[in-house]
């Protein structure tokens, strides 16, 4: 049986857009780095890596390289280095989410939707 907070989290995940699920995975990875929780950090970054769509070529490959680097840092317990990169990537996805959610948002740059699909 779920507690109140577990049920809230479950509902949040079930109702989240694919983009927001990506942001939630970043949140989990960042929190795990703060707590020096190797297993959770590795799982969260691995989930981001495994969700990449390589039909989008260079963007997916660049993200793969960053995720692999973060995984290496986490394995070496260099949590701050991994966290710094994850925070920067999360902010980029937050910006994309805001642009997509705002009717008057400026046109997305070429490749932005491809990047969105790559994760």
N, C-alpha and C. Protein backbone atom coordinates (compact mmCIF):
# COMPACT_ATOMS: atom_id res chain seq x y z
N UNK A 1 0.84 -1.18 0.00
CA UNK A 1 0.00 0.00 0.00
C UNK A 1 0.89 1.25 0.00
N UNK A 2 0.46 2.25 -0.72
CA UNK A 2 1.22 3.49 -0.83
C UNK A 2 0.89 4.44 0.30
N UNK A 3 1.91 5.13 0.81
CA UNK A 3 1.67 6.22 1.75
C UNK A 3 1.20 7.42 0.94
N UNK A 4 0.81 8.46 1.63
CA UNK A 4 0.33 9.66 0.94
C UNK A 4 1.36 10.25 0.00
N UNK A 5 2.60 10.35 0.45
CA UNK A 5 3.64 10.94 -0.40
C UNK A 5 4.00 10.01 -1.55
N UNK A 6 3.97 8.71 -1.31
CA UNK A 6 4.27 7.77 -2.40
C UNK A 6 3.17 7.82 -3.46
N UNK A 7 1.94 7.92 -3.02
CA UNK A 7 0.82 8.00 -3.97
C UNK A 7 0.90 9.29 -4.78
N UNK A 8 1.24 10.39 -4.11
CA UNK A 8 1.40 11.66 -4.81
C UNK A 8 2.48 11.53 -5.89
N UNK A 9 3.63 10.95 -5.53
CA UNK A 9 4.73 10.79 -6.48
C UNK A 9 4.32 9.88 -7.64
N UNK A 10 3.59 8.82 -7.32
CA UNK A 10 3.13 7.88 -8.35
C UNK A 10 2.22 8.60 -9.34
N UNK A 11 1.29 9.40 -8.81
CA UNK A 11 0.39 10.15 -9.68
C UNK A 11 1.15 11.19 -10.50
N UNK A 12 2.15 11.82 -9.89
CA UNK A 12 2.96 12.80 -10.60
C UNK A 12 3.68 12.15 -11.79
N UNK A 13 4.23 10.97 -11.57
CA UNK A 13 4.93 10.26 -12.64
C UNK A 13 3.95 9.83 -13.72
N UNK A 14 2.82 9.28 -13.32
CA UNK A 14 1.84 8.80 -14.30
C UNK A 14 1.26 9.91 -15.16
N UNK A 15 1.17 11.12 -14.61
CA UNK A 15 0.57 12.22 -15.37
C UNK A 15 1.60 13.13 -16.05
N UNK A 16 2.87 12.86 -15.84
CA UNK A 16 3.93 13.73 -16.39
C UNK A 16 4.09 13.53 -17.90
N UNK A 17 4.46 14.61 -18.56
CA UNK A 17 4.81 14.52 -19.97
C UNK A 17 6.16 13.81 -20.10
N UNK A 18 6.48 13.28 -21.27
CA UNK A 18 7.80 12.67 -21.44
C UNK A 18 8.94 13.63 -21.09
N UNK A 19 8.78 14.89 -21.46
CA UNK A 19 9.82 15.88 -21.15
C UNK A 19 9.95 16.07 -19.64
N UNK A 20 8.83 16.14 -18.95
CA UNK A 20 8.91 16.32 -17.50
C UNK A 20 9.49 15.08 -16.81
N UNK A 21 9.26 13.91 -17.36
CA UNK A 21 9.89 12.70 -16.82
C UNK A 21 11.41 12.78 -16.92
N UNK A 22 11.90 13.35 -18.01
CA UNK A 22 13.34 13.55 -18.16
C UNK A 22 13.85 14.46 -17.05
N UNK A 23 13.14 15.56 -16.82
CA UNK A 23 13.54 16.50 -15.77
C UNK A 23 13.50 15.83 -14.40
N UNK A 24 12.51 15.00 -14.17
CA UNK A 24 12.42 14.28 -12.91
C UNK A 24 13.60 13.32 -12.73
N UNK A 25 14.04 12.70 -13.83
CA UNK A 25 15.21 11.82 -13.75
C UNK A 25 16.46 12.63 -13.40
N UNK A 26 16.58 13.82 -13.97
CA UNK A 26 17.69 14.70 -13.58
C UNK A 26 17.61 15.05 -12.10
N UNK A 27 16.41 15.38 -11.62
CA UNK A 27 16.24 15.72 -10.20
C UNK A 27 16.71 14.57 -9.32
N UNK A 28 16.33 13.36 -9.68
CA UNK A 28 16.73 12.19 -8.90
C UNK A 28 18.24 12.01 -8.92
N UNK A 29 18.84 12.15 -10.09
CA UNK A 29 20.30 11.99 -10.20
C UNK A 29 21.04 13.05 -9.40
N UNK A 30 20.57 14.28 -9.46
CA UNK A 30 21.21 15.39 -8.74
C UNK A 30 21.07 15.17 -7.23
N UNK A 31 19.88 14.80 -6.79
CA UNK A 31 19.67 14.54 -5.36
C UNK A 31 20.56 13.39 -4.89
N UNK A 32 20.68 12.35 -5.71
CA UNK A 32 21.53 11.21 -5.35
C UNK A 32 23.00 11.63 -5.26
N UNK A 33 23.43 12.51 -6.14
CA UNK A 33 24.81 13.02 -6.06
C UNK A 33 25.00 13.81 -4.77
N UNK A 34 24.02 14.63 -4.40
CA UNK A 34 24.10 15.38 -3.14
C UNK A 34 24.23 14.44 -1.94
N UNK A 35 23.54 13.31 -2.01
CA UNK A 35 23.54 12.35 -0.91
C UNK A 35 24.65 11.31 -1.03
N UNK A 36 25.44 11.43 -2.11
CA UNK A 36 26.51 10.46 -2.38
C UNK A 36 25.98 9.03 -2.43
N UNK A 37 24.81 8.89 -3.05
CA UNK A 37 24.14 7.61 -3.22
C UNK A 37 24.50 7.07 -4.60
N UNK A 38 25.54 6.26 -4.63
CA UNK A 38 26.09 5.77 -5.90
C UNK A 38 25.04 5.00 -6.70
N UNK A 39 24.36 4.07 -6.05
CA UNK A 39 23.41 3.21 -6.77
C UNK A 39 22.30 4.01 -7.43
N UNK A 40 21.69 4.93 -6.68
CA UNK A 40 20.59 5.72 -7.23
C UNK A 40 21.09 6.65 -8.32
N UNK A 41 22.23 7.28 -8.12
CA UNK A 41 22.79 8.17 -9.14
C UNK A 41 23.08 7.40 -10.42
N UNK A 42 23.70 6.23 -10.29
CA UNK A 42 24.00 5.42 -11.48
C UNK A 42 22.71 5.01 -12.19
N UNK A 43 21.71 4.60 -11.42
CA UNK A 43 20.44 4.19 -12.03
C UNK A 43 19.75 5.34 -12.76
N UNK A 44 19.75 6.52 -12.16
CA UNK A 44 19.08 7.67 -12.77
C UNK A 44 19.78 8.11 -14.05
N UNK A 45 21.10 8.20 -14.01
CA UNK A 45 21.84 8.62 -15.22
C UNK A 45 21.76 7.52 -16.29
N UNK A 46 21.79 6.28 -15.86
CA UNK A 46 21.65 5.17 -16.83
C UNK A 46 20.29 5.22 -17.51
N UNK A 47 19.25 5.57 -16.77
CA UNK A 47 17.91 5.69 -17.37
C UNK A 47 17.89 6.79 -18.42
N UNK A 48 18.54 7.92 -18.12
CA UNK A 48 18.63 8.99 -19.11
C UNK A 48 19.39 8.52 -20.35
N UNK A 49 20.49 7.84 -20.13
CA UNK A 49 21.31 7.32 -21.24
C UNK A 49 20.51 6.32 -22.07
N UNK A 50 19.82 5.42 -21.40
CA UNK A 50 19.10 4.36 -22.11
C UNK A 50 17.89 4.86 -22.88
N UNK A 51 17.41 6.05 -22.53
CA UNK A 51 16.25 6.63 -23.21
C UNK A 51 16.62 7.40 -24.48
N UNK A 52 17.90 7.54 -24.76
CA UNK A 52 18.32 8.31 -25.94
C UNK A 52 17.81 7.65 -27.23
N UNK A 53 17.42 8.48 -28.18
CA UNK A 53 16.97 8.03 -29.49
C UNK A 53 18.04 8.42 -30.50
N UNK A 54 18.77 7.44 -30.97
CA UNK A 54 19.91 7.70 -31.84
C UNK A 54 19.54 8.03 -33.27
N UNK A 55 18.24 8.10 -33.55
CA UNK A 55 17.82 8.60 -34.86
C UNK A 55 18.13 10.09 -34.98
N UNK A 56 18.41 10.72 -33.85
CA UNK A 56 18.69 12.15 -33.85
C UNK A 56 20.18 12.45 -33.79
N UNK A 57 20.97 11.46 -34.17
CA UNK A 57 22.38 11.60 -34.44
C UNK A 57 23.23 12.33 -33.44
N UNK A 58 23.76 13.45 -33.89
CA UNK A 58 24.79 14.18 -33.14
C UNK A 58 24.32 14.58 -31.75
N UNK A 59 23.09 15.03 -31.63
CA UNK A 59 22.59 15.46 -30.32
C UNK A 59 22.57 14.28 -29.35
N UNK A 60 22.04 13.15 -29.81
CA UNK A 60 21.99 11.96 -28.96
C UNK A 60 23.40 11.48 -28.63
N UNK A 61 24.29 11.52 -29.59
CA UNK A 61 25.67 11.11 -29.34
C UNK A 61 26.37 12.02 -28.33
N UNK A 62 26.11 13.32 -28.43
CA UNK A 62 26.70 14.26 -27.47
C UNK A 62 26.16 14.02 -26.06
N UNK A 63 24.85 13.80 -25.96
CA UNK A 63 24.27 13.49 -24.66
C UNK A 63 24.82 12.17 -24.12
N UNK A 64 24.99 11.19 -24.99
CA UNK A 64 25.56 9.91 -24.57
C UNK A 64 26.94 10.11 -23.96
N UNK A 65 27.76 10.92 -24.61
CA UNK A 65 29.10 11.19 -24.08
C UNK A 65 29.03 11.86 -22.71
N UNK A 66 28.13 12.81 -22.56
CA UNK A 66 27.99 13.49 -21.26
C UNK A 66 27.49 12.53 -20.19
N UNK A 67 26.52 11.70 -20.54
CA UNK A 67 26.01 10.73 -19.56
C UNK A 67 27.09 9.72 -19.17
N UNK A 68 27.86 9.26 -20.14
CA UNK A 68 28.93 8.31 -19.84
C UNK A 68 29.96 8.95 -18.92
N UNK A 69 30.28 10.22 -19.18
CA UNK A 69 31.23 10.93 -18.34
C UNK A 69 30.68 11.06 -16.91
N UNK A 70 29.40 11.39 -16.79
CA UNK A 70 28.77 11.48 -15.47
C UNK A 70 28.82 10.14 -14.76
N UNK A 71 28.52 9.07 -15.47
CA UNK A 71 28.57 7.74 -14.87
C UNK A 71 29.98 7.42 -14.37
N UNK A 72 30.99 7.76 -15.16
CA UNK A 72 32.37 7.54 -14.74
C UNK A 72 32.69 8.35 -13.48
N UNK A 73 32.26 9.59 -13.45
CA UNK A 73 32.49 10.43 -12.26
C UNK A 73 31.83 9.82 -11.04
N UNK A 74 30.60 9.37 -11.18
CA UNK A 74 29.88 8.79 -10.05
C UNK A 74 30.59 7.53 -9.57
N UNK A 75 31.03 6.70 -10.49
CA UNK A 75 31.76 5.48 -10.09
C UNK A 75 33.04 5.81 -9.32
N UNK A 76 33.66 6.95 -9.65
CA UNK A 76 34.88 7.39 -8.96
C UNK A 76 34.54 8.23 -7.72
N UNK A 77 33.26 8.35 -7.43
CA UNK A 77 32.75 9.14 -6.32
C UNK A 77 33.10 10.62 -6.45
N UNK A 78 33.17 11.10 -7.67
CA UNK A 78 33.37 12.52 -7.96
C UNK A 78 31.99 13.13 -8.21
N UNK A 79 31.20 13.14 -7.14
CA UNK A 79 29.80 13.52 -7.24
C UNK A 79 29.61 14.97 -7.67
N UNK A 80 30.45 15.87 -7.19
CA UNK A 80 30.28 17.29 -7.54
C UNK A 80 30.47 17.53 -9.03
N UNK A 81 31.43 16.85 -9.64
CA UNK A 81 31.64 17.00 -11.08
C UNK A 81 30.43 16.52 -11.86
N UNK A 82 29.92 15.35 -11.50
CA UNK A 82 28.73 14.82 -12.17
C UNK A 82 27.54 15.75 -11.94
N UNK A 83 27.37 16.19 -10.70
CA UNK A 83 26.24 17.05 -10.36
C UNK A 83 26.27 18.34 -11.17
N UNK A 84 27.44 18.94 -11.30
CA UNK A 84 27.55 20.20 -12.05
C UNK A 84 27.03 20.01 -13.49
N UNK A 85 27.45 18.95 -14.13
CA UNK A 85 27.00 18.69 -15.50
C UNK A 85 25.51 18.40 -15.54
N UNK A 86 25.03 17.61 -14.61
CA UNK A 86 23.61 17.27 -14.57
C UNK A 86 22.74 18.51 -14.32
N UNK A 87 23.19 19.40 -13.46
CA UNK A 87 22.44 20.63 -13.20
C UNK A 87 22.37 21.49 -14.47
N UNK A 88 23.48 21.61 -15.18
CA UNK A 88 23.48 22.39 -16.42
C UNK A 88 22.53 21.79 -17.45
N UNK A 89 22.57 20.47 -17.60
CA UNK A 89 21.67 19.81 -18.56
C UNK A 89 20.22 19.97 -18.14
N UNK A 90 19.95 19.83 -16.85
CA UNK A 90 18.58 19.99 -16.35
C UNK A 90 18.06 21.39 -16.68
N UNK A 91 18.88 22.39 -16.48
CA UNK A 91 18.45 23.76 -16.77
C UNK A 91 18.11 23.93 -18.25
N UNK A 92 18.85 23.28 -19.12
CA UNK A 92 18.55 23.35 -20.55
C UNK A 92 17.18 22.72 -20.84
N UNK A 93 16.88 21.60 -20.21
CA UNK A 93 15.59 20.95 -20.43
C UNK A 93 14.45 21.77 -19.81
N UNK A 94 14.71 22.44 -18.69
CA UNK A 94 13.70 23.32 -18.09
C UNK A 94 13.37 24.45 -19.06
N UNK A 95 14.39 25.01 -19.68
CA UNK A 95 14.18 26.09 -20.66
C UNK A 95 13.32 25.60 -21.81
N UNK A 96 13.60 24.42 -22.31
CA UNK A 96 12.81 23.85 -23.41
C UNK A 96 11.36 23.64 -22.95
N UNK A 97 11.20 23.10 -21.74
CA UNK A 97 9.85 22.86 -21.23
C UNK A 97 9.07 24.17 -21.13
N UNK A 98 9.72 25.21 -20.64
CA UNK A 98 9.05 26.52 -20.52
C UNK A 98 8.66 27.05 -21.89
N UNK A 99 9.55 26.90 -22.86
CA UNK A 99 9.25 27.39 -24.21
C UNK A 99 8.06 26.63 -24.79
N UNK A 100 8.00 25.34 -24.57
CA UNK A 100 6.90 24.55 -25.11
C UNK A 100 5.58 24.84 -24.40
N UNK A 101 5.65 25.26 -23.15
CA UNK A 101 4.45 25.52 -22.36
C UNK A 101 3.94 26.95 -22.46
N UNK A 102 4.68 27.81 -23.13
CA UNK A 102 4.30 29.21 -23.25
C UNK A 102 3.83 29.48 -24.68
N UNK A 103 2.62 29.93 -24.81
CA UNK A 103 2.06 30.17 -26.14
C UNK A 103 2.84 31.24 -26.91
N UNK A 104 3.35 32.21 -26.21
CA UNK A 104 4.05 33.31 -26.86
C UNK A 104 5.56 33.09 -26.87
N UNK A 105 5.97 31.85 -26.67
CA UNK A 105 7.41 31.58 -26.63
C UNK A 105 8.02 31.85 -27.99
N UNK A 106 9.26 32.33 -28.00
CA UNK A 106 9.94 32.51 -29.27
C UNK A 106 10.11 31.16 -29.96
N UNK A 107 10.29 31.21 -31.24
CA UNK A 107 10.46 29.97 -32.00
C UNK A 107 11.65 29.20 -31.45
N UNK A 108 11.48 27.91 -31.38
CA UNK A 108 12.57 27.06 -30.90
C UNK A 108 13.69 27.03 -31.94
N UNK A 109 14.89 26.97 -31.45
CA UNK A 109 16.04 26.90 -32.33
C UNK A 109 16.03 25.57 -33.09
N UNK A 110 16.59 25.53 -34.32
CA UNK A 110 16.65 24.28 -35.04
C UNK A 110 17.38 23.24 -34.20
N UNK A 111 16.86 22.06 -34.19
CA UNK A 111 17.48 20.99 -33.43
C UNK A 111 16.95 20.83 -32.03
N UNK A 112 16.19 21.81 -31.53
CA UNK A 112 15.67 21.72 -30.17
C UNK A 112 14.69 20.56 -30.04
N UNK A 113 13.77 20.45 -31.00
CA UNK A 113 12.82 19.34 -30.93
C UNK A 113 13.54 18.01 -31.13
N UNK A 114 14.56 18.00 -31.95
CA UNK A 114 15.34 16.77 -32.12
C UNK A 114 16.01 16.40 -30.81
N UNK A 115 16.51 17.38 -30.09
CA UNK A 115 17.14 17.12 -28.80
C UNK A 115 16.09 16.58 -27.82
N UNK A 116 14.91 17.14 -27.89
CA UNK A 116 13.83 16.70 -27.00
C UNK A 116 13.51 15.24 -27.27
N UNK A 117 13.44 14.88 -28.54
CA UNK A 117 13.13 13.50 -28.89
C UNK A 117 14.28 12.57 -28.59
N UNK A 118 15.49 13.11 -28.52
CA UNK A 118 16.67 12.29 -28.29
C UNK A 118 16.74 11.76 -26.87
N UNK A 119 16.00 12.38 -25.98
CA UNK A 119 16.07 11.92 -24.57
C UNK A 119 14.87 11.08 -24.24
